[in-house]
PDB file of N, CA and C in Angstrom:
ATOM      1  N   MET A   1      90.946   9.029 159.765  1.00  0.00           N
ATOM      2  CA  MET A   1      89.910   9.381 159.294  1.00  0.00           C
ATOM      3  C   MET A   1      90.033   9.427 157.606  1.00  0.00           C
ATOM      4  N   HIS A   2      88.911   9.343 156.937  1.00  0.00           N
ATOM      5  CA  HIS A   2      88.877   9.369 155.464  1.00  0.00           C
ATOM      6  C   HIS A   2      87.935  10.518 155.105  1.00  0.00           C
ATOM      7  N   ILE A   3      88.214  11.274 154.128  1.00  0.00           N
ATOM      8  CA  ILE A   3      87.228  12.171 153.700  1.00  0.00           C
ATOM      9  C   ILE A   3      86.858  12.084 152.261  1.00  0.00           C
ATOM     10  N   VAL A   4      85.524  11.927 151.873  1.00  0.00           N
ATOM     11  CA  VAL A   4      85.168  11.585 150.678  1.00  0.00           C
ATOM     12  C   VAL A   4      84.459  13.085 150.149  1.00  0.00           C
ATOM     13  N   GLU A   5      84.925  13.784 149.025  1.00  0.00           N
ATOM     14  CA  GLU A   5      84.548  14.990 148.716  1.00  0.00           C
ATOM     15  C   GLU A   5      83.736  14.620 147.492  1.00  0.00           C
ATOM     16  N   ARG A   6      82.335  15.243 147.547  1.00  0.00           N
ATOM     17  CA  ARG A   6      81.498  15.193 146.368  1.00  0.00           C
ATOM     18  C   ARG A   6      80.721  16.317 146.099  1.00  0.00           C
ATOM     19  N   VAL A   7      80.438  16.681 145.001  1.00  0.00           N
ATOM     20  CA  VAL A   7      79.570  17.788 144.581  1.00  0.00           C
ATOM     21  C   VAL A   7      78.110  17.278 144.127  1.00  0.00           C
ATOM     22  N   ILE A   8      77.189  18.042 144.798  1.00  0.00           N
ATOM     23  CA  ILE A   8      75.801  17.511 144.469  1.00  0.00           C
ATOM     24  C   ILE A   8      74.871  18.805 144.200  1.00  0.00           C
ATOM     25  N   THR A   9      73.948  18.409 143.478  1.00  0.00           N
ATOM     26  CA  THR A   9      73.070  19.545 142.945  1.00  0.00           C
ATOM     27  C   THR A   9      72.021  19.812 143.958  1.00  0.00           C
ATOM     28  N   LEU A  10      71.155  20.858 143.641  1.00  0.00           N
ATOM     29  CA  LEU A  10      70.216  21.273 144.628  1.00  0.00           C
ATOM     30  C   LEU A  10      69.176  20.049 145.004  1.00  0.00           C
ATOM     31  N   ASP A  11      68.547  19.420 143.766  1.00  0.00           N
ATOM     32  CA  ASP A  11      67.718  18.269 144.089  1.00  0.00           C
ATOM     33  C   ASP A  11      68.373  17.022 144.949  1.00  0.00           C
ATOM     34  N   GLU A  12      69.671  16.898 144.545  1.00  0.00           N
ATOM     35  CA  GLU A  12      70.281  15.727 145.325  1.00  0.00           C
ATOM     36  C   GLU A  12      70.313  16.270 146.797  1.00  0.00           C
ATOM     37  N   PHE A  13      70.728  17.511 146.999  1.00  0.00           N
ATOM     38  CA  PHE A  13      70.731  18.058 148.312  1.00  0.00           C
ATOM     39  C   PHE A  13      69.355  17.799 149.080  1.00  0.00           C
ATOM     40  N   ARG A  14      68.356  18.235 148.412  1.00  0.00           N
ATOM     41  CA  ARG A  14      67.113  17.983 149.160  1.00  0.00           C
ATOM     42  C   ARG A  14      66.787  16.575 149.438  1.00  0.00           C
ATOM     43  N   ALA A  15      67.075  15.624 148.439  1.00  0.00           N
ATOM     44  CA  ALA A  15      66.833  14.279 148.639  1.00  0.00           C
ATOM     45  C   ALA A  15      67.786  13.690 149.676  1.00  0.00           C
ATOM     46  N   GLU A  16      68.957  13.992 149.886  1.00  0.00           N
ATOM     47  CA  GLU A  16      69.673  13.505 151.073  1.00  0.00           C
ATOM     48  C   GLU A  16      69.101  13.826 152.430  1.00  0.00           C
ATOM     49  N   ARG A  17      68.308  14.866 152.528  1.00  0.00           N
ATOM     50  CA  ARG A  17      67.775  15.159 153.935  1.00  0.00           C
ATOM     51  C   ARG A  17      68.679  14.994 155.033  1.00  0.00           C
ATOM     52  N   PHE A  18      69.682  16.010 154.729  1.00  0.00           N
ATOM     53  CA  PHE A  18      70.710  16.261 155.937  1.00  0.00           C
ATOM     54  C   PHE A  18      70.037  16.764 157.148  1.00  0.00           C
ATOM     55  N   GLU A  19      70.390  16.161 158.366  1.00  0.00           N
ATOM     56  CA  GLU A  19      69.887  16.462 159.559  1.00  0.00           C
ATOM     57  C   GLU A  19      70.808  17.397 160.009  1.00  0.00           C
ATOM     58  N   PRO A  20      70.558  18.688 160.205  1.00  0.00           N
ATOM     59  CA  PRO A  20      71.514  19.580 160.682  1.00  0.00           C
ATOM     60  C   PRO A  20      71.854  19.737 162.067  1.00  0.00           C
ATOM     61  N   PHE A  21      73.064  19.964 162.383  1.00  0.00           N
ATOM     62  CA  PHE A  21      73.406  20.384 163.876  1.00  0.00           C
ATOM     63  C   PHE A  21      73.715  21.730 164.109  1.00  0.00           C
ATOM     64  N   ALA A  22      72.881  22.472 164.744  1.00  0.00           N
ATOM     65  CA  ALA A  22      72.888  23.958 164.907  1.00  0.00           C
ATOM     66  C   ALA A  22      73.209  24.327 166.153  1.00  0.00           C
ATOM     67  N   GLY A  23      73.898  23.428 166.995  1.00  0.00           N
ATOM     68  CA  GLY A  23      74.092  23.915 168.388  1.00  0.00           C
ATOM     69  C   GLY A  23      75.439  24.749 168.434  1.00  0.00           C
ATOM     70  N   PRO A  24      75.593  25.489 169.488  1.00  0.00           N
ATOM     71  CA  PRO A  24      76.960  26.153 169.714  1.00  0.00           C
ATOM     72  C   PRO A  24      77.984  25.302 169.521  1.00  0.00           C
ATOM     73  N   PRO A  25      79.229  25.553 169.100  1.00  0.00           N
ATOM     74  CA  PRO A  25      79.514  26.983 168.679  1.00  0.00           C
ATOM     75  C   PRO A  25      79.090  27.082 167.103  1.00  0.00           C
ATOM     76  N   PHE A  26      78.666  26.220 166.483  1.00  0.00           N
ATOM     77  CA  PHE A  26      78.434  26.455 165.025  1.00  0.00           C
ATOM     78  C   PHE A  26      77.290  27.158 164.567  1.00  0.00           C
ATOM     79  N   GLY A  27      76.247  27.392 165.350  1.00  0.00           N
ATOM     80  CA  GLY A  27      75.218  28.212 165.081  1.00  0.00           C
ATOM     81  C   GLY A  27      74.152  27.698 163.927  1.00  0.00           C
ATOM     82  N   ALA A  28      73.152  28.526 163.420  1.00  0.00           N
ATOM     83  CA  ALA A  28      72.332  27.819 162.501  1.00  0.00           C
ATOM     84  C   ALA A  28      72.904  28.088 161.230  1.00  0.00           C
ATOM     85  N   SER A  29      72.554  27.414 160.269  1.00  0.00           N
ATOM     86  CA  SER A  29      73.106  27.454 158.911  1.00  0.00           C
ATOM     87  C   SER A  29      72.248  27.997 157.951  1.00  0.00           C
ATOM     88  N   VAL A  30      72.509  28.987 157.041  1.00  0.00           N
ATOM     89  CA  VAL A  30      71.930  29.270 155.933  1.00  0.00           C
ATOM     90  C   VAL A  30      71.876  28.381 154.875  1.00  0.00           C
ATOM     91  N   LEU A  31      72.608  27.491 154.769  1.00  0.00           N
ATOM     92  CA  LEU A  31      72.504  26.379 153.640  1.00  0.00           C
ATOM     93  C   LEU A  31      71.061  25.850 153.451  1.00  0.00           C
ATOM     94  N   MET A  32      70.322  25.520 154.608  1.00  0.00           N
ATOM     95  CA  MET A  32      69.053  24.919 154.504  1.00  0.00           C
ATOM     96  C   MET A  32      68.167  25.913 153.914  1.00  0.00           C
ATOM     97  N   LYS A  33      68.358  27.110 154.043  1.00  0.00           N
ATOM     98  CA  LYS A  33      67.393  28.280 153.405  1.00  0.00           C
ATOM     99  C   LYS A  33      67.741  28.791 152.071  1.00  0.00           C
ATOM    100  N   ASN A  34      68.930  28.896 151.700  1.00  0.00           N
ATOM    101  CA  ASN A  34      69.452  29.290 150.306  1.00  0.00           C
ATOM    102  C   ASN A  34      69.392  28.019 149.340  1.00  0.00           C
ATOM    103  N   GLN A  35      69.047  28.420 148.192  1.00  0.00           N
ATOM    104  CA  GLN A  35      69.013  27.506 147.047  1.00  0.00           C
ATOM    105  C   GLN A  35      70.222  27.680 146.122  1.00  0.00           C
ATOM    106  N   MET A  36      71.142  26.885 146.373  1.00  0.00           N
ATOM    107  CA  MET A  36      72.592  26.936 145.675  1.00  0.00           C
ATOM    108  C   MET A  36      72.403  26.112 144.534  1.00  0.00           C
ATOM    109  N   SER A  37      73.228  26.317 143.293  1.00  0.00           N
ATOM    110  CA  SER A  37      73.222  25.499 142.087  1.00  0.00           C
ATOM    111  C   SER A  37      73.911  24.228 142.546  1.00  0.00           C
ATOM    112  N   HIS A  38      74.847  24.158 143.357  1.00  0.00           N
ATOM    113  CA  HIS A  38      75.511  22.985 143.823  1.00  0.00           C
ATOM    114  C   HIS A  38      76.037  23.169 145.320  1.00  0.00           C
ATOM    115  N   TYR A  39      76.306  21.963 145.846  1.00  0.00           N
ATOM    116  CA  TYR A  39      76.871  21.959 147.283  1.00  0.00           C
ATOM    117  C   TYR A  39      78.018  21.051 147.163  1.00  0.00           C
ATOM    118  N   VAL A  40      78.971  21.384 147.924  1.00  0.00           N
ATOM    119  CA  VAL A  40      80.142  20.492 148.177  1.00  0.00           C
ATOM    120  C   VAL A  40      79.987  19.757 149.568  1.00  0.00           C
ATOM    121  N   VAL A  41      80.087  18.387 149.520  1.00  0.00           N
ATOM    122  CA  VAL A  41      79.883  17.703 150.608  1.00  0.00           C
ATOM    123  C   VAL A  41      81.144  16.954 150.959  1.00  0.00           C
ATOM    124  N   LEU A  42      81.487  17.017 152.154  1.00  0.00           N
ATOM    125  CA  LEU A  42      82.674  16.428 152.759  1.00  0.00           C
ATOM    126  C   LEU A  42      82.090  15.086 153.544  1.00  0.00           C
ATOM    127  N   ASP A  43      82.104  13.930 153.274  1.00  0.00           N
ATOM    128  CA  ASP A  43      81.694  12.764 154.123  1.00  0.00           C
ATOM    129  C   ASP A  43      82.843  12.446 154.883  1.00  0.00           C
ATOM    130  N   LEU A  44      82.852  12.577 156.176  1.00  0.00           N
ATOM    131  CA  LEU A  44      83.772  12.140 157.157  1.00  0.00           C
ATOM    132  C   LEU A  44      83.625  10.617 157.560  1.00  0.00           C
ATOM    133  N   VAL A  45      84.764   9.913 157.372  1.00  0.00           N
ATOM    134  CA  VAL A  45      84.488   8.483 157.508  1.00  0.00           C
ATOM    135  C   VAL A  45      85.533   8.072 158.665  1.00  0.00           C
ATOM    136  N   GLY A  46      85.013   7.390 159.803  1.00  0.00           N
ATOM    137  CA  GLY A  46      85.919   6.966 160.752  1.00  0.00           C
ATOM    138  C   GLY A  46      86.016   7.890 161.980  1.00  0.00           C
ATOM    139  N   ALA A  47      87.245   7.792 162.544  1.00  0.00           N
ATOM    140  CA  ALA A  47      87.575   8.663 163.904  1.00  0.00           C
ATOM    141  C   ALA A  47      88.037  10.071 163.422  1.00  0.00           C
ATOM    142  N   LEU A  48      87.407  11.041 164.042  1.00  0.00           N
ATOM    143  CA  LEU A  48      87.754  12.613 163.998  1.00  0.00           C
ATOM    144  C   LEU A  48      88.580  12.824 165.094  1.00  0.00           C
ATOM    145  N   MET A  49      89.912  12.438 165.131  1.00  0.00           N
ATOM    146  CA  MET A  49      90.560  12.472 166.324  1.00  0.00           C
ATOM    147  C   MET A  49      92.045  12.876 165.956  1.00  0.00           C
ATOM    148  N   GLY A  50      92.754  13.615 166.976  1.00  0.00           N
ATOM    149  CA  GLY A  50      94.229  13.947 166.797  1.00  0.00           C
ATOM    150  C   GLY A  50      94.557  14.644 165.665  1.00  0.00           C
ATOM    151  N   SER A  51      95.785  14.573 165.174  1.00  0.00           N
ATOM    152  CA  SER A  51      96.448  15.343 164.214  1.00  0.00           C
ATOM    153  C   SER A  51      95.893  15.016 162.700  1.00  0.00           C
ATOM    154  N   GLU A  52      95.463  13.655 162.706  1.00  0.00           N
ATOM    155  CA  GLU A  52      94.619  13.259 161.365  1.00  0.00           C
ATOM    156  C   GLU A  52      93.553  14.222 161.025  1.00  0.00           C
ATOM    157  N   SER A  53      92.726  14.714 162.045  1.00  0.00           N
ATOM    158  CA  SER A  53      91.723  15.597 161.694  1.00  0.00           C
ATOM    159  C   SER A  53      92.002  16.877 161.106  1.00  0.00           C
ATOM    160  N   HIS A  54      93.293  17.207 161.113  1.00  0.00           N
ATOM    161  CA  HIS A  54      93.719  18.445 160.387  1.00  0.00           C
ATOM    162  C   HIS A  54      93.554  18.516 158.985  1.00  0.00           C
ATOM    163  N   GLU A  55      93.420  17.188 158.448  1.00  0.00           N
ATOM    164  CA  GLU A  55      92.979  17.212 156.917  1.00  0.00           C
ATOM    165  C   GLU A  55      91.758  17.757 156.572  1.00  0.00           C
ATOM    166  N   LEU A  56      90.862  17.816 157.562  1.00  0.00           N
ATOM    167  CA  LEU A  56      89.619  18.669 157.151  1.00  0.00           C
ATOM    168  C   LEU A  56      89.821  20.145 157.037  1.00  0.00           C
ATOM    169  N   VAL A  57      90.457  20.645 157.886  1.00  0.00           N
ATOM    170  CA  VAL A  57      90.801  22.236 157.651  1.00  0.00           C
ATOM    171  C   VAL A  57      91.498  22.344 156.373  1.00  0.00           C
ATOM    172  N   VAL A  58      92.439  21.649 156.146  1.00  0.00           N
ATOM    173  CA  VAL A  58      93.431  21.714 154.852  1.00  0.00           C
ATOM    174  C   VAL A  58      92.340  21.730 153.639  1.00  0.00           C
ATOM    175  N   ARG A  59      91.549  20.613 153.743  1.00  0.00           N
ATOM    176  CA  ARG A  59      90.501  20.401 152.636  1.00  0.00           C
ATOM    177  C   ARG A  59      89.580  21.541 152.503  1.00  0.00           C
ATOM    178  N   ALA A  60      88.996  22.154 153.566  1.00  0.00           N
ATOM    179  CA  ALA A  60      88.101  23.196 153.605  1.00  0.00           C
ATOM    180  C   ALA A  60      88.924  24.553 153.128  1.00  0.00           C
ATOM    181  N   LYS A  61      90.005  24.689 153.528  1.00  0.00           N
ATOM    182  CA  LYS A  61      90.866  25.848 152.900  1.00  0.00           C
ATOM    183  C   LYS A  61      90.946  26.077 151.466  1.00  0.00           C
ATOM    184  N   ARG A  62      91.326  24.710 150.951  1.00  0.00           N
ATOM    185  CA  ARG A  62      91.378  24.461 149.581  1.00  0.00           C
ATOM    186  C   ARG A  62      90.119  24.834 148.788  1.00  0.00           C
ATOM    187  N   LEU A  63      88.994  24.390 149.220  1.00  0.00           N
ATOM    188  CA  LEU A  63      87.769  24.561 148.525  1.00  0.00           C
ATOM    189  C   LEU A  63      87.420  26.107 148.624  1.00  0.00           C
ATOM    190  N   ILE A  64      87.761  26.770 149.624  1.00  0.00           N
ATOM    191  CA  ILE A  64      87.504  28.242 149.745  1.00  0.00           C
ATOM    192  C   ILE A  64      88.338  28.899 148.849  1.00  0.00           C
ATOM    193  N   GLU A  65      89.575  28.532 148.771  1.00  0.00           N
ATOM    194  CA  GLU A  65      90.519  28.978 147.569  1.00  0.00           C
ATOM    195  C   GLU A  65      90.145  28.883 146.225  1.00  0.00           C
ATOM    196  N   ASN A  66      89.416  27.807 146.044  1.00  0.00           N
ATOM    197  CA  ASN A  66      88.791  27.517 144.751  1.00  0.00           C
ATOM    198  C   ASN A  66      87.447  28.116 144.463  1.00  0.00           C
ATOM    199  N   GLY A  67      86.962  28.764 145.258  1.00  0.00           N
ATOM    200  CA  GLY A  67      85.792  29.557 145.216  1.00  0.00           C
ATOM    201  C   GLY A  67      84.463  28.877 145.791  1.00  0.00           C
ATOM    202  N   GLU A  68      84.666  27.837 146.370  1.00  0.00           N
ATOM    203  CA  GLU A  68      83.395  27.145 147.062  1.00  0.00           C
ATOM    204  C   GLU A  68      83.152  28.038 148.200  1.00  0.00           C
ATOM    205  N   ARG A  69      81.659  28.115 148.443  1.00  0.00           N
ATOM    206  CA  ARG A  69      81.156  28.770 149.476  1.00  0.00           C
ATOM    207  C   ARG A  69      80.124  28.218 150.332  1.00  0.00           C
ATOM    208  N   THR A  70      79.695  27.059 149.880  1.00  0.00           N
ATOM    209  CA  THR A  70      78.569  26.247 150.460  1.00  0.00           C
ATOM    210  C   THR A  70      79.040  24.727 150.668  1.00  0.00           C
ATOM    211  N   ILE A  71      79.329  24.453 151.775  1.00  0.00           N
ATOM    212  CA  ILE A  71      80.082  23.292 152.347  1.00  0.00           C
ATOM    213  C   ILE A  71      79.107  22.463 153.221  1.00  0.00           C
ATOM    214  N   VAL A  72      79.023  21.340 153.019  1.00  0.00           N
ATOM    215  CA  VAL A  72      78.416  20.485 154.058  1.00  0.00           C
ATOM    216  C   VAL A  72      79.338  19.391 154.438  1.00  0.00           C
ATOM    217  N   ILE A  73      79.447  19.338 155.842  1.00  0.00           N
ATOM    218  CA  ILE A  73      80.435  18.384 156.497  1.00  0.00           C
ATOM    219  C   ILE A  73      79.303  17.273 157.043  1.00  0.00           C
ATOM    220  N   ASN A  74      79.476  16.242 156.480  1.00  0.00           N
ATOM    221  CA  ASN A  74      78.402  15.179 156.913  1.00  0.00           C
ATOM    222  C   ASN A  74      79.151  14.128 157.878  1.00  0.00           C
ATOM    223  N   LEU A  75      78.692  14.193 158.982  1.00  0.00           N
ATOM    224  CA  LEU A  75      79.292  13.409 160.161  1.00  0.00           C
ATOM    225  C   LEU A  75      78.719  12.007 160.209  1.00  0.00           C
ATOM    226  N   LYS A  76      77.923  11.548 159.494  1.00  0.00           N
ATOM    227  CA  LYS A  76      77.040  10.324 159.507  1.00  0.00           C
ATOM    228  C   LYS A  76      78.019   9.017 159.867  1.00  0.00           C
ATOM    229  N   SER A  77      79.085   9.032 159.186  1.00  0.00           N
ATOM    230  CA  SER A  77      80.096   7.872 159.320  1.00  0.00           C
ATOM    231  C   SER A  77      81.200   7.963 160.407  1.00  0.00           C
ATOM    232  N   VAL A  78      81.097   9.223 161.206  1.00  0.00           N
ATOM    233  CA  VAL A  78      82.042   9.412 162.096  1.00  0.00           C
ATOM    234  C   VAL A  78      81.857   8.540 163.325  1.00  0.00           C
ATOM    235  N   THR A  79      82.773   7.883 163.795  1.00  0.00           N
ATOM    236  CA  THR A  79      82.718   6.838 164.823  1.00  0.00           C
ATOM    237  C   THR A  79      83.082   7.406 166.275  1.00  0.00           C
ATOM    238  N   THR A  80      84.197   8.157 166.258  1.00  0.00           N
ATOM    239  CA  THR A  80      84.717   9.005 167.405  1.00  0.00           C
ATOM    240  C   THR A  80      85.020  10.360 167.277  1.00  0.00           C
ATOM    241  N   VAL A  81      84.960  11.130 168.082  1.00  0.00           N
ATOM    242  CA  VAL A  81      85.426  12.477 168.092  1.00  0.00           C
ATOM    243  C   VAL A  81      86.181  12.817 169.566  1.00  0.00           C
ATOM    244  N   ASP A  82      87.395  13.463 169.450  1.00  0.00           N
ATOM    245  CA  ASP A  82      88.029  13.869 170.441  1.00  0.00           C
ATOM    246  C   ASP A  82      88.090  15.437 170.556  1.00  0.00           C
ATOM    247  N   GLU A  83      88.846  16.010 171.451  1.00  0.00           N
ATOM    248  CA  GLU A  83      88.980  17.545 171.625  1.00  0.00           C
ATOM    249  C   GLU A  83      89.460  18.053 170.335  1.00  0.00           C
ATOM    250  N   TRP A  84      90.543  17.275 169.960  1.00  0.00           N
ATOM    251  CA  TRP A  84      91.365  17.934 168.668  1.00  0.00           C
ATOM    252  C   TRP A  84      90.302  18.014 167.466  1.00  0.00           C
ATOM    253  N   GLY A  85      89.663  16.927 167.122  1.00  0.00           N
ATOM    254  CA  GLY A  85      88.578  16.942 166.105  1.00  0.00           C
ATOM    255  C   GLY A  85      87.589  17.904 166.195  1.00  0.00           C
ATOM    256  N   LEU A  86      86.978  18.121 167.486  1.00  0.00           N
ATOM    257  CA  LEU A  86      86.173  19.347 167.493  1.00  0.00           C
ATOM    258  C   LEU A  86      86.720  20.522 167.205  1.00  0.00           C
ATOM    259  N   GLY A  87      87.911  20.844 167.775  1.00  0.00           N
ATOM    260  CA  GLY A  87      88.586  21.925 167.574  1.00  0.00           C
ATOM    261  C   GLY A  87      88.886  22.299 165.916  1.00  0.00           C
ATOM    262  N   GLU A  88      89.255  21.166 165.287  1.00  0.00           N
ATOM    263  CA  GLU A  88      89.175  21.189 163.789  1.00  0.00           C
ATOM    264  C   GLU A  88      87.964  21.671 163.119  1.00  0.00           C
ATOM    265  N   LEU A  89      86.779  21.116 163.472  1.00  0.00           N
ATOM    266  CA  LEU A  89      85.658  21.527 163.007  1.00  0.00           C
ATOM    267  C   LEU A  89      85.321  22.936 163.237  1.00  0.00           C
ATOM    268  N   ILE A  90      85.560  23.294 164.493  1.00  0.00           N
ATOM    269  CA  ILE A  90      85.414  24.692 164.679  1.00  0.00           C
ATOM    270  C   ILE A  90      86.239  25.641 163.798  1.00  0.00           C
ATOM    271  N   GLY A  91      87.569  25.148 163.637  1.00  0.00           N
ATOM    272  CA  GLY A  91      88.479  25.934 162.697  1.00  0.00           C
ATOM    273  C   GLY A  91      87.896  25.970 161.231  1.00  0.00           C
ATOM    274  N   CYS A  92      87.271  24.932 160.895  1.00  0.00           N
ATOM    275  CA  CYS A  92      86.716  24.880 159.563  1.00  0.00           C
ATOM    276  C   CYS A  92      85.507  25.922 159.460  1.00  0.00           C
ATOM    277  N   TYR A  93      84.805  25.699 160.394  1.00  0.00           N
ATOM    278  CA  TYR A  93      83.414  26.548 160.476  1.00  0.00           C
ATOM    279  C   TYR A  93      83.951  28.220 160.560  1.00  0.00           C
ATOM    280  N   MET A  94      84.935  28.536 161.312  1.00  0.00           N
ATOM    281  CA  MET A  94      85.527  30.052 161.308  1.00  0.00           C
ATOM    282  C   MET A  94      85.962  30.281 160.007  1.00  0.00           C
ATOM    283  N   ASN A  95      86.748  29.447 159.191  1.00  0.00           N
ATOM    284  CA  ASN A  95      87.536  29.600 158.000  1.00  0.00           C
ATOM    285  C   ASN A  95      86.361  29.928 156.955  1.00  0.00           C
ATOM    286  N   ILE A  96      85.358  29.105 156.931  1.00  0.00           N
ATOM    287  CA  ILE A  96      84.276  29.042 155.874  1.00  0.00           C
ATOM    288  C   ILE A  96      83.431  30.324 156.140  1.00  0.00           C
ATOM    289  N   VAL A  97      82.888  30.592 157.222  1.00  0.00           N
ATOM    290  CA  VAL A  97      82.130  31.647 157.647  1.00  0.00           C
ATOM    291  C   VAL A  97      82.956  32.891 157.410  1.00  0.00           C
ATOM    292  N   GLY A  98      84.141  32.807 157.823  1.00  0.00           N
ATOM    293  CA  GLY A  98      85.018  34.195 157.713  1.00  0.00           C
ATOM    294  C   GLY A  98      85.140  34.560 156.267  1.00  0.00           C
ATOM    295  N   SER A  99      85.230  33.583 155.430  1.00  0.00           N
ATOM    296  CA  SER A  99      85.428  34.014 153.945  1.00  0.00           C
ATOM    297  C   SER A  99      84.140  34.179 153.282  1.00  0.00           C
ATOM    298  N   GLY A 100      82.950  34.536 154.055  1.00  0.00           N
ATOM    299  CA  GLY A 100      81.746  34.513 153.499  1.00  0.00           C
ATOM    300  C   GLY A 100      80.861  33.523 152.957  1.00  0.00           C
ATOM    301  N   GLY A 101      81.274  32.283 153.440  1.00  0.00           N
ATOM    302  CA  GLY A 101      80.683  30.897 152.958  1.00  0.00           C
ATOM    303  C   GLY A 101      79.562  30.662 154.043  1.00  0.00           C
ATOM    304  N   ALA A 102      78.980  29.486 153.894  1.00  0.00           N
ATOM    305  CA  ALA A 102      78.178  28.797 154.927  1.00  0.00           C
ATOM    306  C   ALA A 102      78.566  27.436 155.020  1.00  0.00           C
ATOM    307  N   MET A 103      78.439  26.839 156.242  1.00  0.00           N
ATOM    308  CA  MET A 103      78.851  25.574 156.422  1.00  0.00           C
ATOM    309  C   MET A 103      77.595  24.893 157.132  1.00  0.00           C
ATOM    310  N   LEU A 104      77.264  23.640 156.747  1.00  0.00           N
ATOM    311  CA  LEU A 104      76.180  22.787 157.405  1.00  0.00           C
ATOM    312  C   LEU A 104      76.983  21.792 158.051  1.00  0.00           C
ATOM    313  N   LEU A 105      76.857  21.627 159.202  1.00  0.00           N
ATOM    314  CA  LEU A 105      77.371  20.345 160.022  1.00  0.00           C
ATOM    315  C   LEU A 105      76.030  19.370 160.095  1.00  0.00           C
ATOM    316  N   ALA A 106      76.231  18.427 159.385  1.00  0.00           N
ATOM    317  CA  ALA A 106      74.986  17.393 159.172  1.00  0.00           C
ATOM    318  C   ALA A 106      75.320  16.025 159.756  1.00  0.00           C
ATOM    319  N   ASN A 107      74.095  15.414 160.004  1.00  0.00           N
ATOM    320  CA  ASN A 107      74.041  14.046 160.509  1.00  0.00           C
ATOM    321  C   ASN A 107      74.973  13.653 161.618  1.00  0.00           C
ATOM    322  N   PRO A 108      75.092  14.310 162.768  1.00  0.00           N
ATOM    323  CA  PRO A 108      76.087  14.090 163.638  1.00  0.00           C
ATOM    324  C   PRO A 108      75.481  12.929 164.546  1.00  0.00           C
ATOM    325  N   PRO A 109      76.399  11.951 164.834  1.00  0.00           N
ATOM    326  CA  PRO A 109      76.105  11.006 165.747  1.00  0.00           C
ATOM    327  C   PRO A 109      75.728  11.379 167.174  1.00  0.00           C
ATOM    328  N   SER A 110      75.028  10.578 167.889  1.00  0.00           N
ATOM    329  CA  SER A 110      74.563  10.971 169.234  1.00  0.00           C
ATOM    330  C   SER A 110      75.924  11.329 170.023  1.00  0.00           C
ATOM    331  N   GLN A 111      76.782  10.414 169.907  1.00  0.00           N
ATOM    332  CA  GLN A 111      78.163  10.574 170.661  1.00  0.00           C
ATOM    333  C   GLN A 111      78.609  11.869 170.397  1.00  0.00           C
ATOM    334  N   PHE A 112      78.455  12.479 169.156  1.00  0.00           N
ATOM    335  CA  PHE A 112      79.213  13.697 168.872  1.00  0.00           C
ATOM    336  C   PHE A 112      78.367  14.798 169.567  1.00  0.00           C
ATOM    337  N   CYS A 113      76.883  14.626 169.643  1.00  0.00           N
ATOM    338  CA  CYS A 113      76.145  15.586 170.474  1.00  0.00           C
ATOM    339  C   CYS A 113      76.522  15.858 171.864  1.00  0.00           C
ATOM    340  N   GLN A 114      76.756  14.441 172.516  1.00  0.00           N
ATOM    341  CA  GLN A 114      76.924  14.398 173.868  1.00  0.00           C
ATOM    342  C   GLN A 114      78.392  14.987 174.112  1.00  0.00           C
ATOM    343  N   PHE A 115      79.296  14.784 173.149  1.00  0.00           N
ATOM    344  CA  PHE A 115      80.725  15.243 173.322  1.00  0.00           C
ATOM    345  C   PHE A 115      80.642  16.804 173.340  1.00  0.00           C
ATOM    346  N   VAL A 116      79.927  17.282 172.619  1.00  0.00           N
ATOM    347  CA  VAL A 116      79.826  18.839 172.411  1.00  0.00           C
ATOM    348  C   VAL A 116      79.070  19.468 173.581  1.00  0.00           C
ATOM    349  N   ALA A 117      78.020  18.621 174.194  1.00  0.00           N
ATOM    350  CA  ALA A 117      77.417  19.117 175.351  1.00  0.00           C
ATOM    351  C   ALA A 117      78.391  19.103 176.440  1.00  0.00           C
ATOM    352  N   LYS A 118      79.234  18.212 176.558  1.00  0.00           N
ATOM    353  CA  LYS A 118      80.060  18.129 177.781  1.00  0.00           C
ATOM    354  C   LYS A 118      81.196  19.207 177.679  1.00  0.00           C
ATOM    355  N   ALA A 119      81.449  19.592 176.423  1.00  0.00           N
ATOM    356  CA  ALA A 119      82.442  20.633 176.248  1.00  0.00           C
ATOM    357  C   ALA A 119      81.867  21.998 176.749  1.00  0.00           C
ATOM    358  N   LYS A 120      80.606  22.124 177.002  1.00  0.00           N
ATOM    359  CA  LYS A 120      79.841  23.376 177.638  1.00  0.00           C
ATOM    360  C   LYS A 120      79.595  24.253 176.547  1.00  0.00           C
ATOM    361  N   PHE A 121      79.471  23.909 175.382  1.00  0.00           N
ATOM    362  CA  PHE A 121      78.976  24.894 174.267  1.00  0.00           C
ATOM    363  C   PHE A 121      77.531  24.866 174.269  1.00  0.00           C
ATOM    364  N   LEU A 122      76.767  23.927 174.715  1.00  0.00           N
ATOM    365  CA  LEU A 122      75.373  24.039 174.857  1.00  0.00           C
ATOM    366  C   LEU A 122      74.874  24.400 176.118  1.00  0.00           C
TER     367      LEU A 122
END
């Protein structure tokens, strides 16, 4: 998995038209309602599997430590997800929300939605 980190403005956020995933265990995101001056986007590319997916949690923790509170995790280019990868996404969500932030899980591929449904969260 590869992570591309970028910072976008409110106008860029609106232009991207992120498709939110608000199903359990992630809940609805306040990012779509709040107008922030900027958003940090983590574009995930490739397979979100195994121990390689832990980099996502590390990156999110670093962002939180640096004061970021609005993080978009873009799944548009994710090809495969396994249990470990899903667990790391949940860990990110818990860390971000637990620190008073908000996370938008965006553009999930249909395979991701099917996987979450099979995991009995929906």
